[in-house]
Amino acid sequence: MANKGLGKGFDGLIPTDLELGNIVNPGEQVKNTSIEKIEVNPDQPRRVFDKEKLDELAASIKQHGIIQPIVVTPSGDKYRIVAGERRYRAAQLSGLNSVPVIIRNHEELEELEIALVENVQRVDLSPLEQALSIIKLRDQFNMSPKQIAKKLGKAETTISNTTRLLNLPTEAIEALQKNKISEGHARAILALKTDEKLQKELLNKIIVQKLSVRDSEKYVRDHKKNNAAKKSGITQSTQNRIKQLNNKDIVSYKIQKKNVGGSLNIVFKTEKELDTILSRLEE
């Protein structure tokens, strides 16, 4: 997931330390434990760790040490990581022999998990707060999206769509936080994920021109159609002529350009619409 700045206002609203968060309580005792006694969780959903970022963290640890302790739970004669595997791996790279840990038993972890699940289910949480809480469940308790969906009684697609809000440009995150745009607007902006400049352009139109969610979605559809037409090699003049077939958005079309020639598929809902299309083609 992309790391987006959430702005000072949002930082004050909810902690953005997604790995530690509510697990470590103020004043809890931290102990140093041999790094050899720590093992990773085999069910950890995150399988790939960015090497460059791990190297950067390792360099920081060499200079400053591990500022945030790793949260572990007893596992035989060792301790299994609950939160902080990235710090653990960086500590290995930096050559540390021991790391600071907070040990939680299974009962304590279960209580914390239940509390976090209940927090996500609160009706007064904003979409961004829900997204951050879901990320905490994923990172702090090594849950997959499927497991989180089951615990929350939601569809897995709902979980994925909620967490995707954190991929918005910083400006859009702040606008959503301040209720300048709705969650529906945010999803329309996300649909332009390959072009951050266009995302910001749509955000500005939504705020300045007060576009509805439906208008925003139409903006996205039109952009994607234009892009598809450009990639197909159809000239702007031809595109405009095809658009003239569209009668108040009740007709949709798709251009397929091939090496030689191509096809124009026109979709209609009623015979009356078909008559309109045929009349225009005969003009």
C-alpha atoms as a PDB file:
ATOM      1  CA  MET A   1       0.000   0.000   0.000  1.00  0.00           C
ATOM      2  CA  ALA A   2       1.293   3.457  -0.805  1.00  0.00           C
ATOM      3  CA  ASN A   3       2.451   5.551   2.148  1.00  0.00           C
ATOM      4  CA  LYS A   4       0.447   8.749   2.044  1.00  0.00           C
ATOM      5  CA  GLY A   5       0.826  11.729   4.371  1.00  0.00           C
ATOM      6  CA  LEU A   6      -2.385  12.221   6.285  1.00  0.00           C
ATOM      7  CA  GLY A   7      -1.884  15.820   7.378  1.00  0.00           C
ATOM      8  CA  LYS A   8      -1.509  17.194  10.905  1.00  0.00           C
ATOM      9  CA  GLY A   9      -5.255  17.262  11.481  1.00  0.00           C
ATOM     10  CA  PHE A  10      -5.646  13.607  10.659  1.00  0.00           C
ATOM     11  CA  ASP A  11      -2.595  12.608  12.731  1.00  0.00           C
ATOM     12  CA  GLY A  12      -4.250  14.265  15.694  1.00  0.00           C
ATOM     13  CA  LEU A  13      -7.502  12.472  15.034  1.00  0.00           C
ATOM     14  CA  ILE A  14      -6.215   8.904  15.116  1.00  0.00           C
ATOM     15  CA  PRO A  15      -2.728   7.404  15.589  1.00  0.00           C
ATOM     16  CA  THR A  16      -1.068   6.532  12.299  1.00  0.00           C
ATOM     17  CA  ASP A  17       1.483   4.119  13.813  1.00  0.00           C
ATOM     18  CA  LEU A  18      -0.092   1.145  12.099  1.00  0.00           C
ATOM     19  CA  GLU A  19       2.269  -1.476  13.515  1.00  0.00           C
ATOM     20  CA  LEU A  20       2.122  -0.650  17.211  1.00  0.00           C
ATOM     21  CA  GLY A  21      -1.007   1.426  17.753  1.00  0.00           C
ATOM     22  CA  ASN A  22      -3.152   0.253  20.651  1.00  0.00           C
ATOM     23  CA  ILE A  23      -1.028  -2.810  21.511  1.00  0.00           C
ATOM     24  CA  VAL A  24       1.556  -0.937  23.605  1.00  0.00           C
ATOM     25  CA  ASN A  25       0.133   0.909  26.601  1.00  0.00           C
ATOM     26  CA  PRO A  26       1.890   3.883  28.246  1.00  0.00           C
ATOM     27  CA  GLY A  27       4.199   2.824  31.073  1.00  0.00           C
ATOM     28  CA  GLU A  28       4.367  -0.860  30.140  1.00  0.00           C
ATOM     29  CA  GLN A  29       7.583  -2.649  30.965  1.00  0.00           C
ATOM     30  CA  VAL A  30       9.918  -3.292  28.074  1.00  0.00           C
ATOM     31  CA  LYS A  31      12.632  -5.959  28.288  1.00  0.00           C
ATOM     32  CA  ASN A  32      15.606  -6.742  26.070  1.00  0.00           C
ATOM     33  CA  THR A  33      15.516 -10.224  24.579  1.00  0.00           C
ATOM     34  CA  SER A  34      18.066 -12.137  22.527  1.00  0.00           C
ATOM     35  CA  ILE A  35      17.229 -11.824  18.854  1.00  0.00           C
ATOM     36  CA  GLU A  36      17.813 -15.583  18.547  1.00  0.00           C
ATOM     37  CA  LYS A  37      14.835 -16.234  20.827  1.00  0.00           C
ATOM     38  CA  ILE A  38      12.450 -14.412  18.487  1.00  0.00           C
ATOM     39  CA  GLU A  39      10.695 -16.034  15.544  1.00  0.00           C
ATOM     40  CA  VAL A  40       8.446 -14.633  12.836  1.00  0.00           C
ATOM     41  CA  ASN A  41       4.801 -15.539  12.516  1.00  0.00           C
ATOM     42  CA  PRO A  42       4.389 -18.043   9.632  1.00  0.00           C
ATOM     43  CA  ASP A  43       0.867 -16.705   9.044  1.00  0.00           C
ATOM     44  CA  GLN A  44       2.090 -13.131   8.544  1.00  0.00           C
ATOM     45  CA  PRO A  45       0.159 -11.819   5.490  1.00  0.00           C
ATOM     46  CA  ARG A  46       3.040  -9.587   4.421  1.00  0.00           C
ATOM     47  CA  ARG A  47       5.484 -11.766   2.512  1.00  0.00           C
ATOM     48  CA  VAL A  48       7.596  -9.169   0.715  1.00  0.00           C
ATOM     49  CA  PHE A  49       9.614  -6.467   2.470  1.00  0.00           C
ATOM     50  CA  ASP A  50      11.147  -3.643   0.451  1.00  0.00           C
ATOM     51  CA  LYS A  51      14.936  -4.195   0.669  1.00  0.00           C
ATOM     52  CA  GLU A  52      15.835  -0.535   0.204  1.00  0.00           C
ATOM     53  CA  LYS A  53      13.500   0.556   3.000  1.00  0.00           C
ATOM     54  CA  LEU A  54      14.747  -2.238   5.258  1.00  0.00           C
ATOM     55  CA  ASP A  55      18.325  -1.058   4.656  1.00  0.00           C
ATOM     56  CA  GLU A  56      17.298   2.503   5.538  1.00  0.00           C
ATOM     57  CA  LEU A  57      15.633   1.306   8.757  1.00  0.00           C
ATOM     58  CA  ALA A  58      18.691  -0.820   9.611  1.00  0.00           C
ATOM     59  CA  ALA A  59      20.921   2.241   9.209  1.00  0.00           C
ATOM     60  CA  SER A  60      18.619   4.225  11.500  1.00  0.00           C
ATOM     61  CA  ILE A  61      18.659   1.429  14.085  1.00  0.00           C
ATOM     62  CA  LYS A  62      22.459   1.381  14.050  1.00  0.00           C
ATOM     63  CA  GLN A  63      22.474   5.076  14.881  1.00  0.00           C
ATOM     64  CA  HIS A  64      19.487   5.407  17.224  1.00  0.00           C
ATOM     65  CA  GLY A  65      18.551   1.854  18.242  1.00  0.00           C
ATOM     66  CA  ILE A  66      14.988   0.474  18.144  1.00  0.00           C
ATOM     67  CA  ILE A  67      12.735   3.249  19.430  1.00  0.00           C
ATOM     68  CA  GLN A  68       9.503   1.223  19.354  1.00  0.00           C
ATOM     69  CA  PRO A  69       9.647  -2.229  20.986  1.00  0.00           C
ATOM     70  CA  ILE A  70       8.554  -5.366  19.164  1.00  0.00           C
ATOM     71  CA  VAL A  71       5.376  -6.998  20.485  1.00  0.00           C
ATOM     72  CA  VAL A  72       5.667 -10.761  20.960  1.00  0.00           C
ATOM     73  CA  THR A  73       3.779 -13.675  22.474  1.00  0.00           C
ATOM     74  CA  PRO A  74       5.236 -16.862  24.040  1.00  0.00           C
ATOM     75  CA  SER A  75       5.709 -19.745  21.591  1.00  0.00           C
ATOM     76  CA  GLY A  76       7.361 -22.765  23.190  1.00  0.00           C
ATOM     77  CA  ASP A  77      10.811 -21.702  24.403  1.00  0.00           C
ATOM     78  CA  LYS A  78      10.777 -18.713  22.022  1.00  0.00           C
ATOM     79  CA  TYR A  79       8.685 -15.638  21.333  1.00  0.00           C
ATOM     80  CA  ARG A  80       6.592 -15.188  18.204  1.00  0.00           C
ATOM     81  CA  ILE A  81       6.233 -11.729  16.679  1.00  0.00           C
ATOM     82  CA  VAL A  82       2.797 -10.141  16.862  1.00  0.00           C
ATOM     83  CA  ALA A  83       3.772  -6.659  15.658  1.00  0.00           C
ATOM     84  CA  GLY A  84       7.116  -5.351  14.434  1.00  0.00           C
ATOM     85  CA  GLU A  85       8.479  -7.940  11.994  1.00  0.00           C
ATOM     86  CA  ARG A  86       9.902  -5.165   9.831  1.00  0.00           C
ATOM     87  CA  ARG A  87      11.837  -3.781  12.823  1.00  0.00           C
ATOM     88  CA  TYR A  88      12.988  -7.308  13.681  1.00  0.00           C
ATOM     89  CA  ARG A  89      14.347  -7.899  10.166  1.00  0.00           C
ATOM     90  CA  ALA A  90      16.077  -4.515  10.152  1.00  0.00           C
ATOM     91  CA  ALA A  91      17.606  -5.296  13.569  1.00  0.00           C
ATOM     92  CA  GLN A  92      19.041  -8.509  12.098  1.00  0.00           C
ATOM     93  CA  LEU A  93      20.537  -6.521   9.224  1.00  0.00           C
ATOM     94  CA  SER A  94      22.070  -4.007  11.639  1.00  0.00           C
ATOM     95  CA  GLY A  95      23.781  -6.788  13.600  1.00  0.00           C
ATOM     96  CA  LEU A  96      21.950  -6.363  16.928  1.00  0.00           C
ATOM     97  CA  ASN A  97      22.166  -9.275  19.384  1.00  0.00           C
ATOM     98  CA  SER A  98      19.099  -8.243  21.386  1.00  0.00           C
ATOM     99  CA  VAL A  99      15.953  -6.179  20.820  1.00  0.00           C
ATOM    100  CA  PRO A 100      13.412  -4.485  23.103  1.00  0.00           C
ATOM    101  CA  VAL A 101      10.130  -6.408  23.357  1.00  0.00           C
ATOM    102  CA  ILE A 102       6.795  -6.298  25.127  1.00  0.00           C
ATOM    103  CA  ILE A 103       5.453  -9.752  25.899  1.00  0.00           C
ATOM    104  CA  ARG A 104       1.716 -10.314  25.623  1.00  0.00           C
ATOM    105  CA  ASN A 105       0.006 -13.608  26.413  1.00  0.00           C
ATOM    106  CA  HIS A 106      -2.710 -15.012  24.149  1.00  0.00           C
ATOM    107  CA  GLU A 107      -5.544 -13.895  26.462  1.00  0.00           C
ATOM    108  CA  GLU A 108      -4.340 -10.286  26.453  1.00  0.00           C
ATOM    109  CA  LEU A 109      -3.984 -10.313  22.666  1.00  0.00           C
ATOM    110  CA  GLU A 110      -7.475 -11.736  22.283  1.00  0.00           C
ATOM    111  CA  GLU A 111      -8.912  -8.935  24.450  1.00  0.00           C
ATOM    112  CA  LEU A 112      -7.096  -6.304  22.396  1.00  0.00           C
ATOM    113  CA  GLU A 113      -8.278  -7.874  19.166  1.00  0.00           C
ATOM    114  CA  ILE A 114     -11.897  -7.889  20.333  1.00  0.00           C
ATOM    115  CA  ALA A 115     -11.622  -4.250  21.395  1.00  0.00           C
ATOM    116  CA  LEU A 116     -10.219  -3.273  17.998  1.00  0.00           C
ATOM    117  CA  VAL A 117     -12.915  -5.219  16.125  1.00  0.00           C
ATOM    118  CA  GLU A 118     -15.580  -3.461  18.196  1.00  0.00           C
ATOM    119  CA  ASN A 119     -13.935  -0.134  17.389  1.00  0.00           C
ATOM    120  CA  VAL A 120     -14.081  -0.805  13.630  1.00  0.00           C
ATOM    121  CA  GLN A 121     -17.782  -1.637  13.936  1.00  0.00           C
ATOM    122  CA  ARG A 122     -18.641   1.705  15.535  1.00  0.00           C
ATOM    123  CA  VAL A 123     -21.187   3.571  13.431  1.00  0.00           C
ATOM    124  CA  ASP A 124     -19.632   6.964  14.137  1.00  0.00           C
ATOM    125  CA  LEU A 125     -16.261   6.148  12.600  1.00  0.00           C
ATOM    126  CA  SER A 126     -15.356   8.006   9.434  1.00  0.00           C
ATOM    127  CA  PRO A 127     -14.324   5.968   6.354  1.00  0.00           C
ATOM    128  CA  LEU A 128     -10.659   6.904   6.954  1.00  0.00           C
ATOM    129  CA  GLU A 129     -10.814   5.854  10.606  1.00  0.00           C
ATOM    130  CA  GLN A 130     -12.341   2.548   9.534  1.00  0.00           C
ATOM    131  CA  ALA A 131      -9.561   2.066   6.978  1.00  0.00           C
ATOM    132  CA  LEU A 132      -6.829   2.681   9.560  1.00  0.00           C
ATOM    133  CA  SER A 133      -8.470   0.347  12.075  1.00  0.00           C
ATOM    134  CA  ILE A 134      -8.690  -2.403   9.458  1.00  0.00           C
ATOM    135  CA  ILE A 135      -4.996  -1.917   8.652  1.00  0.00           C
ATOM    136  CA  LYS A 136      -4.242  -2.297  12.370  1.00  0.00           C
ATOM    137  CA  LEU A 137      -6.088  -5.612  12.419  1.00  0.00           C
ATOM    138  CA  ARG A 138      -4.080  -6.723   9.405  1.00  0.00           C
ATOM    139  CA  ASP A 139      -0.674  -5.636  10.675  1.00  0.00           C
ATOM    140  CA  GLN A 140      -0.992  -6.113  14.427  1.00  0.00           C
ATOM    141  CA  PHE A 141      -2.720  -9.474  14.354  1.00  0.00           C
ATOM    142  CA  ASN A 142      -1.454 -10.866  11.036  1.00  0.00           C
ATOM    143  CA  MET A 143      -4.968 -11.154   9.630  1.00  0.00           C
ATOM    144  CA  SER A 144      -5.759 -11.631   5.966  1.00  0.00           C
ATOM    145  CA  PRO A 145      -8.534  -9.541   4.331  1.00  0.00           C
ATOM    146  CA  LYS A 146     -10.699 -12.669   4.343  1.00  0.00           C
ATOM    147  CA  GLN A 147     -10.246 -13.162   8.106  1.00  0.00           C
ATOM    148  CA  ILE A 148     -10.934  -9.482   8.806  1.00  0.00           C
ATOM    149  CA  ALA A 149     -14.091  -9.583   6.674  1.00  0.00           C
ATOM    150  CA  LYS A 150     -15.340 -12.620   8.586  1.00  0.00           C
ATOM    151  CA  LYS A 151     -14.699 -11.007  11.980  1.00  0.00           C
ATOM    152  CA  LEU A 152     -16.411  -7.776  10.959  1.00  0.00           C
ATOM    153  CA  GLY A 153     -19.305  -9.492   9.192  1.00  0.00           C
ATOM    154  CA  LYS A 154     -18.567  -7.650   5.965  1.00  0.00           C
ATOM    155  CA  ALA A 155     -17.785  -8.706   2.408  1.00  0.00           C
ATOM    156  CA  GLU A 156     -14.097  -9.025   1.564  1.00  0.00           C
ATOM    157  CA  THR A 157     -14.578  -6.519  -1.267  1.00  0.00           C
ATOM    158  CA  THR A 158     -15.932  -3.992   1.259  1.00  0.00           C
ATOM    159  CA  ILE A 159     -12.769  -4.388   3.349  1.00  0.00           C
ATOM    160  CA  SER A 160     -10.548  -3.933   0.296  1.00  0.00           C
ATOM    161  CA  ASN A 161     -12.509  -0.893  -0.925  1.00  0.00           C
ATOM    162  CA  THR A 162     -12.313   0.758   2.503  1.00  0.00           C
ATOM    163  CA  THR A 163      -8.542   0.330   2.881  1.00  0.00           C
ATOM    164  CA  ARG A 164      -8.003   1.598  -0.684  1.00  0.00           C
ATOM    165  CA  LEU A 165      -9.055   5.036   0.568  1.00  0.00           C
ATOM    166  CA  LEU A 166      -5.577   5.341   2.094  1.00  0.00           C
ATOM    167  CA  ASN A 167      -4.168   5.275  -1.461  1.00  0.00           C
ATOM    168  CA  LEU A 168      -5.778   8.627  -2.253  1.00  0.00           C
ATOM    169  CA  PRO A 169      -3.528  11.641  -2.901  1.00  0.00           C
ATOM    170  CA  THR A 170      -2.810  13.600   0.274  1.00  0.00           C
ATOM    171  CA  GLU A 171      -5.107  16.453  -0.811  1.00  0.00           C
ATOM    172  CA  ALA A 172      -8.010  14.052  -1.355  1.00  0.00           C
ATOM    173  CA  ILE A 173      -7.462  12.365   2.028  1.00  0.00           C
ATOM    174  CA  GLU A 174      -7.607  15.739   3.734  1.00  0.00           C
ATOM    175  CA  ALA A 175     -10.718  16.740   1.732  1.00  0.00           C
ATOM    176  CA  LEU A 176     -12.453  13.501   2.763  1.00  0.00           C
ATOM    177  CA  GLN A 177     -11.431  14.053   6.378  1.00  0.00           C
ATOM    178  CA  LYS A 178     -12.908  17.577   6.314  1.00  0.00           C
ATOM    179  CA  ASN A 179     -16.117  16.383   4.577  1.00  0.00           C
ATOM    180  CA  LYS A 180     -15.380  18.463   1.468  1.00  0.00           C
ATOM    181  CA  ILE A 181     -15.928  15.290  -0.558  1.00  0.00           C
ATOM    182  CA  SER A 182     -17.904  12.118   0.151  1.00  0.00           C
ATOM    183  CA  GLU A 183     -16.726   8.521   0.141  1.00  0.00           C
ATOM    184  CA  GLY A 184     -18.408   8.131  -3.265  1.00  0.00           C
ATOM    185  CA  HIS A 185     -16.357  11.034  -4.612  1.00  0.00           C
ATOM    186  CA  ALA A 186     -13.225   9.444  -3.155  1.00  0.00           C
ATOM    187  CA  ARG A 187     -13.895   6.171  -4.959  1.00  0.00           C
ATOM    188  CA  ALA A 188     -14.318   8.028  -8.252  1.00  0.00           C
ATOM    189  CA  ILE A 189     -10.936   9.700  -7.683  1.00  0.00           C
ATOM    190  CA  LEU A 190      -9.383   6.306  -6.891  1.00  0.00           C
ATOM    191  CA  ALA A 191     -10.618   5.002 -10.246  1.00  0.00           C
ATOM    192  CA  LEU A 192      -8.038   7.322 -11.856  1.00  0.00           C
ATOM    193  CA  LYS A 193      -5.215   5.625  -9.942  1.00  0.00           C
ATOM    194  CA  THR A 194      -2.791   5.629 -12.857  1.00  0.00           C
ATOM    195  CA  ASP A 195      -2.755   9.427 -13.093  1.00  0.00           C
ATOM    196  CA  GLU A 196      -2.300  11.407  -9.869  1.00  0.00           C
ATOM    197  CA  LYS A 197      -2.418  14.690 -11.770  1.00  0.00           C
ATOM    198  CA  LEU A 198      -5.838  13.790 -13.146  1.00  0.00           C
ATOM    199  CA  GLN A 199      -6.942  12.668  -9.675  1.00  0.00           C
ATOM    200  CA  LYS A 200      -6.138  16.125  -8.325  1.00  0.00           C
ATOM    201  CA  GLU A 201      -7.892  17.743 -11.295  1.00  0.00           C
ATOM    202  CA  LEU A 202     -11.067  15.780 -10.544  1.00  0.00           C
ATOM    203  CA  LEU A 203     -10.778  16.627  -6.833  1.00  0.00           C
ATOM    204  CA  ASN A 204     -10.617  20.320  -7.699  1.00  0.00           C
ATOM    205  CA  LYS A 205     -13.647  20.043 -10.011  1.00  0.00           C
ATOM    206  CA  ILE A 206     -15.641  18.251  -7.296  1.00  0.00           C
ATOM    207  CA  ILE A 207     -14.912  20.984  -4.751  1.00  0.00           C
ATOM    208  CA  VAL A 208     -15.091  24.060  -7.015  1.00  0.00           C
ATOM    209  CA  GLN A 209     -17.891  22.968  -9.349  1.00  0.00           C
ATOM    210  CA  LYS A 210     -19.682  20.939  -6.660  1.00  0.00           C
ATOM    211  CA  LEU A 211     -19.882  17.850  -8.853  1.00  0.00           C
ATOM    212  CA  SER A 212     -22.203  15.100  -7.661  1.00  0.00           C
ATOM    213  CA  VAL A 213     -20.897  11.540  -7.258  1.00  0.00           C
ATOM    214  CA  ARG A 214     -22.697  10.626 -10.481  1.00  0.00           C
ATOM    215  CA  ASP A 215     -21.041  13.515 -12.354  1.00  0.00           C
ATOM    216  CA  SER A 216     -17.664  12.474 -10.955  1.00  0.00           C
ATOM    217  CA  GLU A 217     -18.162   8.904 -12.118  1.00  0.00           C
ATOM    218  CA  LYS A 218     -19.147  10.179 -15.577  1.00  0.00           C
ATOM    219  CA  TYR A 219     -15.942  12.255 -15.658  1.00  0.00           C
ATOM    220  CA  VAL A 220     -13.963   9.055 -15.003  1.00  0.00           C
ATOM    221  CA  ARG A 221     -15.874   7.067 -17.643  1.00  0.00           C
ATOM    222  CA  ASP A 222     -15.380   9.786 -20.263  1.00  0.00           C
ATOM    223  CA  HIS A 223     -11.678   9.970 -19.500  1.00  0.00           C
ATOM    224  CA  LYS A 224     -11.288   6.197 -19.828  1.00  0.00           C
ATOM    225  CA  LYS A 225     -13.223   6.203 -23.114  1.00  0.00           C
ATOM    226  CA  ASN A 226     -11.029   8.960 -24.492  1.00  0.00           C
ATOM    227  CA  ASN A 227      -7.913   7.120 -23.409  1.00  0.00           C
ATOM    228  CA  ALA A 228      -9.115   3.903 -25.032  1.00  0.00           C
ATOM    229  CA  ALA A 229      -9.875   5.776 -28.240  1.00  0.00           C
ATOM    230  CA  LYS A 230      -6.426   7.400 -28.261  1.00  0.00           C
ATOM    231  CA  LYS A 231      -4.745   4.035 -27.783  1.00  0.00           C
ATOM    232  CA  SER A 232      -6.816   2.585 -30.600  1.00  0.00           C
ATOM    233  CA  GLY A 233      -5.480   5.169 -33.070  1.00  0.00           C
ATOM    234  CA  ILE A 234      -8.890   6.739 -33.764  1.00  0.00           C
ATOM    235  CA  THR A 235      -8.532  10.450 -34.616  1.00  0.00           C
ATOM    236  CA  GLN A 236     -10.194  13.132 -32.472  1.00  0.00           C
ATOM    237  CA  SER A 237     -12.430  14.115 -35.392  1.00  0.00           C
ATOM    238  CA  THR A 238     -13.754  10.568 -35.696  1.00  0.00           C
ATOM    239  CA  GLN A 239     -14.208  10.316 -31.932  1.00  0.00           C
ATOM    240  CA  ASN A 240     -16.349  13.467 -31.982  1.00  0.00           C
ATOM    241  CA  ARG A 241     -18.521  12.108 -34.780  1.00  0.00           C
ATOM    242  CA  ILE A 242     -19.063   8.889 -32.819  1.00  0.00           C
ATOM    243  CA  LYS A 243     -19.967  10.856 -29.696  1.00  0.00           C
ATOM    244  CA  GLN A 244     -22.732  12.576 -31.652  1.00  0.00           C
ATOM    245  CA  LEU A 245     -24.516   9.233 -31.730  1.00  0.00           C
ATOM    246  CA  ASN A 246     -24.879   9.460 -27.976  1.00  0.00           C
ATOM    247  CA  ASN A 247     -28.372  10.673 -27.080  1.00  0.00           C
ATOM    248  CA  LYS A 248     -28.384  12.094 -23.509  1.00  0.00           C
ATOM    249  CA  ASP A 249     -26.172   9.270 -22.211  1.00  0.00           C
ATOM    250  CA  ILE A 250     -28.703   6.551 -23.086  1.00  0.00           C
ATOM    251  CA  VAL A 251     -26.455   5.018 -25.723  1.00  0.00           C
ATOM    252  CA  SER A 252     -23.027   3.531 -25.000  1.00  0.00           C
ATOM    253  CA  TYR A 253     -20.380   2.476 -27.451  1.00  0.00           C
ATOM    254  CA  LYS A 254     -17.016   0.738 -27.612  1.00  0.00           C
ATOM    255  CA  ILE A 255     -14.336   1.120 -30.259  1.00  0.00           C
ATOM    256  CA  GLN A 256     -12.065  -1.794 -31.116  1.00  0.00           C
ATOM    257  CA  LYS A 257      -9.234  -0.940 -33.491  1.00  0.00           C
ATOM    258  CA  LYS A 258      -7.379  -3.785 -35.149  1.00  0.00           C
ATOM    259  CA  ASN A 259      -4.301  -3.882 -37.360  1.00  0.00           C
ATOM    260  CA  VAL A 260      -6.548  -3.549 -40.372  1.00  0.00           C
ATOM    261  CA  GLY A 261      -9.877  -1.825 -39.814  1.00  0.00           C
ATOM    262  CA  GLY A 262     -11.779  -2.387 -36.564  1.00  0.00           C
ATOM    263  CA  SER A 263     -15.289  -2.446 -35.137  1.00  0.00           C
ATOM    264  CA  LEU A 264     -17.710  -0.060 -33.444  1.00  0.00           C
ATOM    265  CA  ASN A 265     -20.084  -1.760 -30.984  1.00  0.00           C
ATOM    266  CA  ILE A 266     -23.151   0.302 -30.053  1.00  0.00           C
ATOM    267  CA  VAL A 267     -25.379  -0.740 -27.167  1.00  0.00           C
ATOM    268  CA  PHE A 268     -29.058   0.291 -26.986  1.00  0.00           C
ATOM    269  CA  LYS A 269     -31.816  -0.479 -24.488  1.00  0.00           C
ATOM    270  CA  THR A 270     -35.019  -0.089 -26.499  1.00  0.00           C
ATOM    271  CA  GLU A 271     -36.176  -0.276 -30.099  1.00  0.00           C
ATOM    272  CA  LYS A 272     -36.797   3.474 -29.960  1.00  0.00           C
ATOM    273  CA  GLU A 273     -33.122   4.046 -29.129  1.00  0.00           C
ATOM    274  CA  LEU A 274     -32.153   1.772 -32.041  1.00  0.00           C
ATOM    275  CA  ASP A 275     -34.367   3.821 -34.385  1.00  0.00           C
ATOM    276  CA  THR A 276     -32.626   6.996 -33.185  1.00  0.00           C
ATOM    277  CA  ILE A 277     -29.191   5.500 -33.816  1.00  0.00           C
ATOM    278  CA  LEU A 278     -30.132   4.246 -37.282  1.00  0.00           C
ATOM    279  CA  SER A 279     -31.605   7.647 -38.182  1.00  0.00           C
ATOM    280  CA  ARG A 280     -28.385   9.386 -37.216  1.00  0.00           C
ATOM    281  CA  LEU A 281     -26.304   6.902 -39.170  1.00  0.00           C
ATOM    282  CA  GLU A 282     -28.426   7.638 -42.241  1.00  0.00           C
ATOM    283  CA  GLU A 283     -27.927  11.419 -41.966  1.00  0.00           C
END
